[in-house]
Protein backbone atom coordinates (compact mmCIF):
# COMPACT_ATOMS: atom_id res chain seq x y z
CA MET A 1 -15.75 -49.98 41.14
CA LEU A 2 -13.69 -46.82 40.42
CA ARG A 3 -12.65 -45.84 43.95
CA GLY A 4 -12.03 -49.51 44.67
CA SER A 5 -10.10 -50.05 40.53
CA LEU A 6 -7.32 -46.99 41.39
CA GLU A 7 -6.59 -47.56 44.80
CA GLY A 8 -3.11 -48.42 44.98
CA ARG A 9 -2.52 -47.73 41.31
CA LEU A 10 -1.05 -44.23 39.69
CA GLY A 11 -4.05 -41.74 38.95
CA PRO A 12 -5.92 -41.59 36.09
CA ASP A 13 -5.17 -40.27 32.74
CA ALA A 14 -8.25 -38.14 31.84
CA VAL A 15 -11.15 -38.35 33.57
CA GLU A 16 -14.81 -37.14 32.08
CA LEU A 17 -18.05 -36.79 33.24
CA ILE A 18 -21.34 -37.03 30.67
CA ALA A 19 -24.33 -35.20 31.81
CA ALA A 20 -27.91 -37.33 30.85
CA ASP A 21 -31.69 -37.22 31.17
CA GLY A 22 -31.75 -38.14 34.94
CA ALA A 23 -28.16 -39.60 35.11
CA ALA A 24 -24.50 -39.05 34.97
CA VAL A 25 -21.57 -41.31 33.54
CA LEU A 26 -17.78 -40.65 35.04
CA GLY A 27 -15.08 -42.01 33.13
CA ALA A 28 -11.36 -43.02 33.82
CA LYS A 29 -8.89 -43.59 31.83
CA VAL A 30 -6.40 -45.43 34.01
CA PRO A 31 -2.70 -46.40 31.87
CA GLY A 32 -1.44 -50.22 32.93
CA LEU A 33 -5.01 -51.10 34.46
CA GLY A 34 -6.00 -54.28 33.08
CA GLU A 35 -7.99 -57.23 34.33
CA ILE A 36 -10.30 -56.43 37.58
CA GLY A 37 -12.86 -59.10 38.94
CA GLY A 38 -12.00 -61.80 35.28
CA VAL A 39 -12.85 -58.72 33.02
CA ASP A 40 -10.25 -56.85 30.59
CA VAL A 41 -10.85 -53.32 30.90
CA ARG A 42 -8.33 -52.31 28.71
CA GLY A 43 -7.30 -49.36 31.19
CA GLN A 44 -10.94 -47.32 31.47
CA LEU A 45 -13.34 -47.88 33.72
CA PHE A 46 -17.22 -46.11 34.02
CA ASN A 47 -19.97 -45.35 36.84
CA VAL A 48 -23.56 -44.50 35.77
CA PHE A 49 -25.13 -42.37 38.07
CA ARG A 50 -28.61 -42.89 39.04
CA VAL A 51 -29.62 -39.17 39.98
CA GLY A 52 -33.42 -38.48 41.75
CA CYS A 53 -35.20 -36.14 43.79
CA GLY A 54 -31.81 -33.95 44.03
CA ARG A 55 -29.55 -37.22 44.60
CA ILE A 56 -27.54 -39.84 43.79
CA ILE A 57 -29.98 -43.24 44.11
CA ALA A 58 -27.63 -45.84 42.69
CA VAL A 59 -24.54 -46.29 41.06
CA GLU A 60 -23.97 -48.93 38.37
CA ASP A 61 -20.20 -50.39 37.24
CA TYR A 62 -19.70 -50.39 33.38
CA ALA A 63 -16.07 -51.95 31.89
CA ARG A 64 -17.08 -50.93 28.48
CA ARG A 65 -17.88 -46.74 27.53
CA GLU A 66 -20.60 -47.56 24.86
CA ASP A 67 -22.59 -49.97 27.68
CA ALA A 68 -22.40 -46.78 30.21
CA LEU A 69 -23.40 -44.40 27.66
CA ALA A 70 -25.95 -46.78 26.10
CA ALA A 71 -27.32 -47.45 29.72
CA ALA A 72 -27.25 -43.89 30.90
CA GLY A 73 -29.28 -42.67 27.68
CA ALA A 74 -26.30 -40.58 26.45
CA LYS A 75 -24.20 -39.94 23.33
CA ALA A 76 -20.47 -38.55 23.56
CA PRO A 77 -18.81 -39.88 20.26
CA HIS A 78 -14.81 -38.82 21.90
CA TRP A 79 -13.55 -38.22 25.53
CA VAL A 80 -14.64 -35.08 26.10
CA SER A 81 -12.63 -33.83 28.90
CA ALA A 82 -9.16 -32.42 29.22
CA PRO A 83 -6.63 -34.73 30.62
CA ALA A 84 -6.42 -34.88 34.62
CA ARG A 85 -2.81 -33.77 34.95
CA GLN A 86 -1.89 -30.60 33.04
CA ASP A 87 2.26 -31.46 33.66
CA ALA A 88 2.48 -34.76 31.27
CA VAL A 89 2.13 -35.16 27.76
CA VAL A 90 -1.13 -34.81 26.56
CA ASP A 91 -0.48 -35.32 22.78
CA LEU A 92 1.95 -36.85 20.36
CA VAL A 93 2.31 -36.45 16.89
CA PRO A 94 4.61 -37.85 14.48
CA PHE A 95 6.39 -36.46 12.11
CA ILE A 96 7.30 -37.98 8.58
CA LEU A 97 9.85 -35.93 6.29
CA VAL A 98 8.92 -36.24 2.94
CA SER A 99 10.55 -34.81 -0.56
CA ASP A 100 6.85 -33.88 -1.39
CA VAL A 101 4.21 -33.16 0.70
CA GLU A 102 1.61 -32.31 -2.31
CA ARG A 103 2.59 -35.92 -3.37
CA SER A 104 2.39 -38.02 -0.22
CA ILE A 105 -0.87 -36.75 0.92
CA PRO A 106 -3.16 -38.91 -1.21
CA PHE A 107 -1.01 -42.02 0.44
CA TYR A 108 -1.99 -40.91 3.82
CA ALA A 109 -5.36 -40.39 2.60
CA ALA A 110 -5.49 -43.39 1.35
CA LEU A 111 -4.68 -44.82 4.79
CA GLY A 112 -8.13 -42.35 6.40
CA PHE A 113 -5.76 -39.03 7.11
CA HIS A 114 -7.63 -35.91 6.13
CA VAL A 115 -5.23 -32.86 6.46
CA ILE A 116 -6.32 -30.20 8.94
CA LYS A 117 -3.71 -27.57 8.85
CA ARG A 118 -1.41 -26.36 5.66
CA TYR A 119 1.57 -24.47 5.94
CA GLU A 120 2.70 -22.70 2.54
CA PRO A 121 5.20 -19.95 2.38
CA ALA A 122 5.66 -18.13 -0.64
CA GLY A 123 3.14 -20.45 -1.71
CA ARG A 124 6.00 -23.97 -1.30
CA LEU A 125 3.32 -26.29 0.40
CA GLU A 126 6.36 -27.25 3.73
CA PHE A 127 4.56 -28.87 6.43
CA ALA A 128 1.06 -30.73 6.20
CA GLY A 129 -1.08 -31.67 9.71
CA LEU A 130 -3.25 -34.85 9.03
CA GLU A 131 -5.80 -36.38 11.13
CA ALA A 132 -8.26 -39.54 10.93
CA THR A 133 -9.03 -39.63 14.16
CA SER A 134 -8.61 -38.02 17.57
CA SER A 135 -5.98 -39.77 18.88
CA ALA A 136 -4.58 -41.04 15.01
CA LYS A 137 -2.68 -37.52 13.82
CA ILE A 138 0.57 -36.89 11.51
CA MET A 139 2.68 -34.08 10.79
CA LEU A 140 4.56 -33.99 6.55
CA ALA A 141 7.75 -32.03 6.81
CA ARG A 142 9.12 -31.29 3.48
CA VAL A 143 13.09 -31.59 3.27
CA ASP A 144 15.89 -31.44 0.89
CA GLN A 145 16.73 -34.81 1.55
CA VAL A 146 14.88 -37.81 2.51
CA PRO A 147 16.68 -39.82 5.31
CA GLU A 148 17.84 -43.68 4.79
CA THR A 149 14.65 -45.60 4.03
CA GLY A 150 14.53 -49.62 3.67
CA PRO A 151 15.01 -52.57 5.88
CA GLY A 152 18.21 -52.18 6.73
CA ALA A 153 18.76 -48.44 7.20
CA ARG A 154 18.74 -46.80 10.87
CA THR A 155 15.23 -44.68 11.59
CA PRO A 156 13.94 -43.05 14.92
CA GLY A 157 11.33 -46.12 14.27
CA LEU A 158 8.16 -46.19 12.06
CA LEU A 159 4.45 -46.04 12.60
CA TYR A 160 2.20 -48.50 14.07
CA LEU A 161 -1.07 -47.86 12.71
CA TYR A 162 -4.53 -49.79 13.36
CA THR A 163 -7.83 -50.40 11.98
CA GLY A 164 -10.53 -51.95 12.59
CA ASP A 165 -10.26 -54.30 8.67
CA LEU A 166 -7.35 -55.01 7.80
CA GLU A 167 -8.76 -56.22 4.58
CA GLY A 168 -10.60 -53.85 3.31
CA LEU A 169 -7.64 -51.11 4.18
CA ARG A 170 -5.38 -52.93 2.08
CA ALA A 171 -7.98 -53.17 -0.83
CA ARG A 172 -8.56 -49.42 -0.95
CA LEU A 173 -4.84 -48.50 -0.89
CA LEU A 174 -3.90 -51.19 -3.68
CA ALA A 175 -7.05 -49.49 -5.41
CA ALA A 176 -5.52 -46.33 -5.45
CA GLY A 177 -2.44 -47.01 -6.76
CA HIS A 178 -0.19 -47.75 -3.77
CA GLU A 179 2.24 -49.45 -2.20
CA ALA A 180 0.91 -52.42 0.44
CA ASP A 181 2.12 -55.84 0.87
CA GLU A 182 0.41 -59.29 2.06
CA ILE A 183 -1.20 -59.53 5.00
CA GLU A 184 0.87 -61.97 7.35
CA ASP A 185 1.01 -63.30 10.38
CA GLY A 186 1.90 -60.89 13.22
CA PRO A 187 5.09 -62.03 15.21
CA GLY A 188 3.87 -62.22 18.75
CA PRO A 189 2.96 -61.41 21.47
CA GLY A 190 0.63 -58.93 20.44
CA PRO A 191 -1.32 -58.50 16.30
CA ASN A 192 -2.25 -61.47 14.68
CA ARG A 193 -2.38 -59.67 11.18
CA GLN A 194 -0.46 -57.44 10.29
CA MET A 195 1.15 -55.90 6.52
CA CYS A 196 3.66 -53.12 5.82
CA VAL A 197 2.70 -50.12 3.06
CA ARG A 198 5.23 -47.81 1.62
CA ASP A 199 4.44 -44.11 1.38
CA PRO A 200 6.20 -42.49 -1.82
CA ASP A 201 9.28 -41.69 -0.33
CA GLY A 202 9.45 -45.04 0.65
CA HIS A 203 8.77 -45.00 4.14
CA GLY A 204 7.32 -48.29 5.53
CA HIS A 205 4.46 -48.35 8.48
CA MET A 206 3.04 -51.41 9.65
CA VAL A 207 -0.47 -51.29 9.78
CA THR A 208 -2.72 -54.33 11.65
CA GLU A 209 -5.51 -54.89 13.25
CA LEU A 210 -6.90 -53.61 16.99
CA PHE A 211 -7.32 -56.63 18.61
CA GLU A 212 -7.84 -56.92 22.95
CA GLY A 213 -5.37 -55.54 24.58
CA SER A 214 -4.15 -53.78 22.11
CA VAL A 215 -1.82 -50.45 22.58
CA GLY A 216 -3.85 -48.60 19.97
CA ARG A 217 -7.87 -48.12 20.59
CA ASP A 218 -10.77 -47.11 18.90
CA PRO A 219 -11.50 -42.95 20.27
CA THR A 220 -15.12 -43.60 19.01
CA ARG A 221 -15.52 -46.56 21.62
C-alpha cells in the first residue's frame, strides 16, 4: 500500500518505524494524500510487517495509525521519527505579542497549554513558550505597545485551534473567567462548528472541533 500509493506523488514529510514483538509498524506522513480506494487516509499510511524465522512473512496495510499499532501490539503515543526531509520547515511556533506575559498565561492555560520555557532577564518575564501537544505550541512575547486588535484591525492572521470537545472547552474557559463567544455554525467548506475566544489583550482566535479532512490533527492518534 505504501509503495503503490506514493508512486508519482511528493515524498513523505516524515516516516517512522516502530518495533514490536514479532512485528514492526512502518508509517509515512504524505501531505495532500487524501482518498485511496474509497478510504480517506488523511495524509498518513501504515504497514505492519510480520517477522518470523529471520524474514518478513506477511505485510498488512492500515489507513489509521491506531489500528496499525493495535494490530502489531505496539505502543507509541507520538510520532517517533524525524522528518524525512531536512531541508524543509519542520515546525512552526506562532509568536503572540502581549502587554503582560504573566497575565496572559492563565488564558492559554485554560485552552490546554502549559509553560515549557520562560525568559526573565532582570526578573522581568519577557517571553514564555507554551505547549498543548507536540504539534500545538506558541510563544508569548511582551511588547510595550500591543498591535491593534478587533474585527477591523489589520493583522497577519489569527490562531485556528482544534479540540475534540468544543462545548467542554468553552465551559472551562468561562469557568476560569475568560471570554468565549457562543458556538456558531462554520462558514463551510471546513468546520461545522466554531467559536471565537479572546485573550486579555483582545487577540481573537478561532476554535473548532476536529473534523474529517481537517488540517488540524490529534498527534496522539
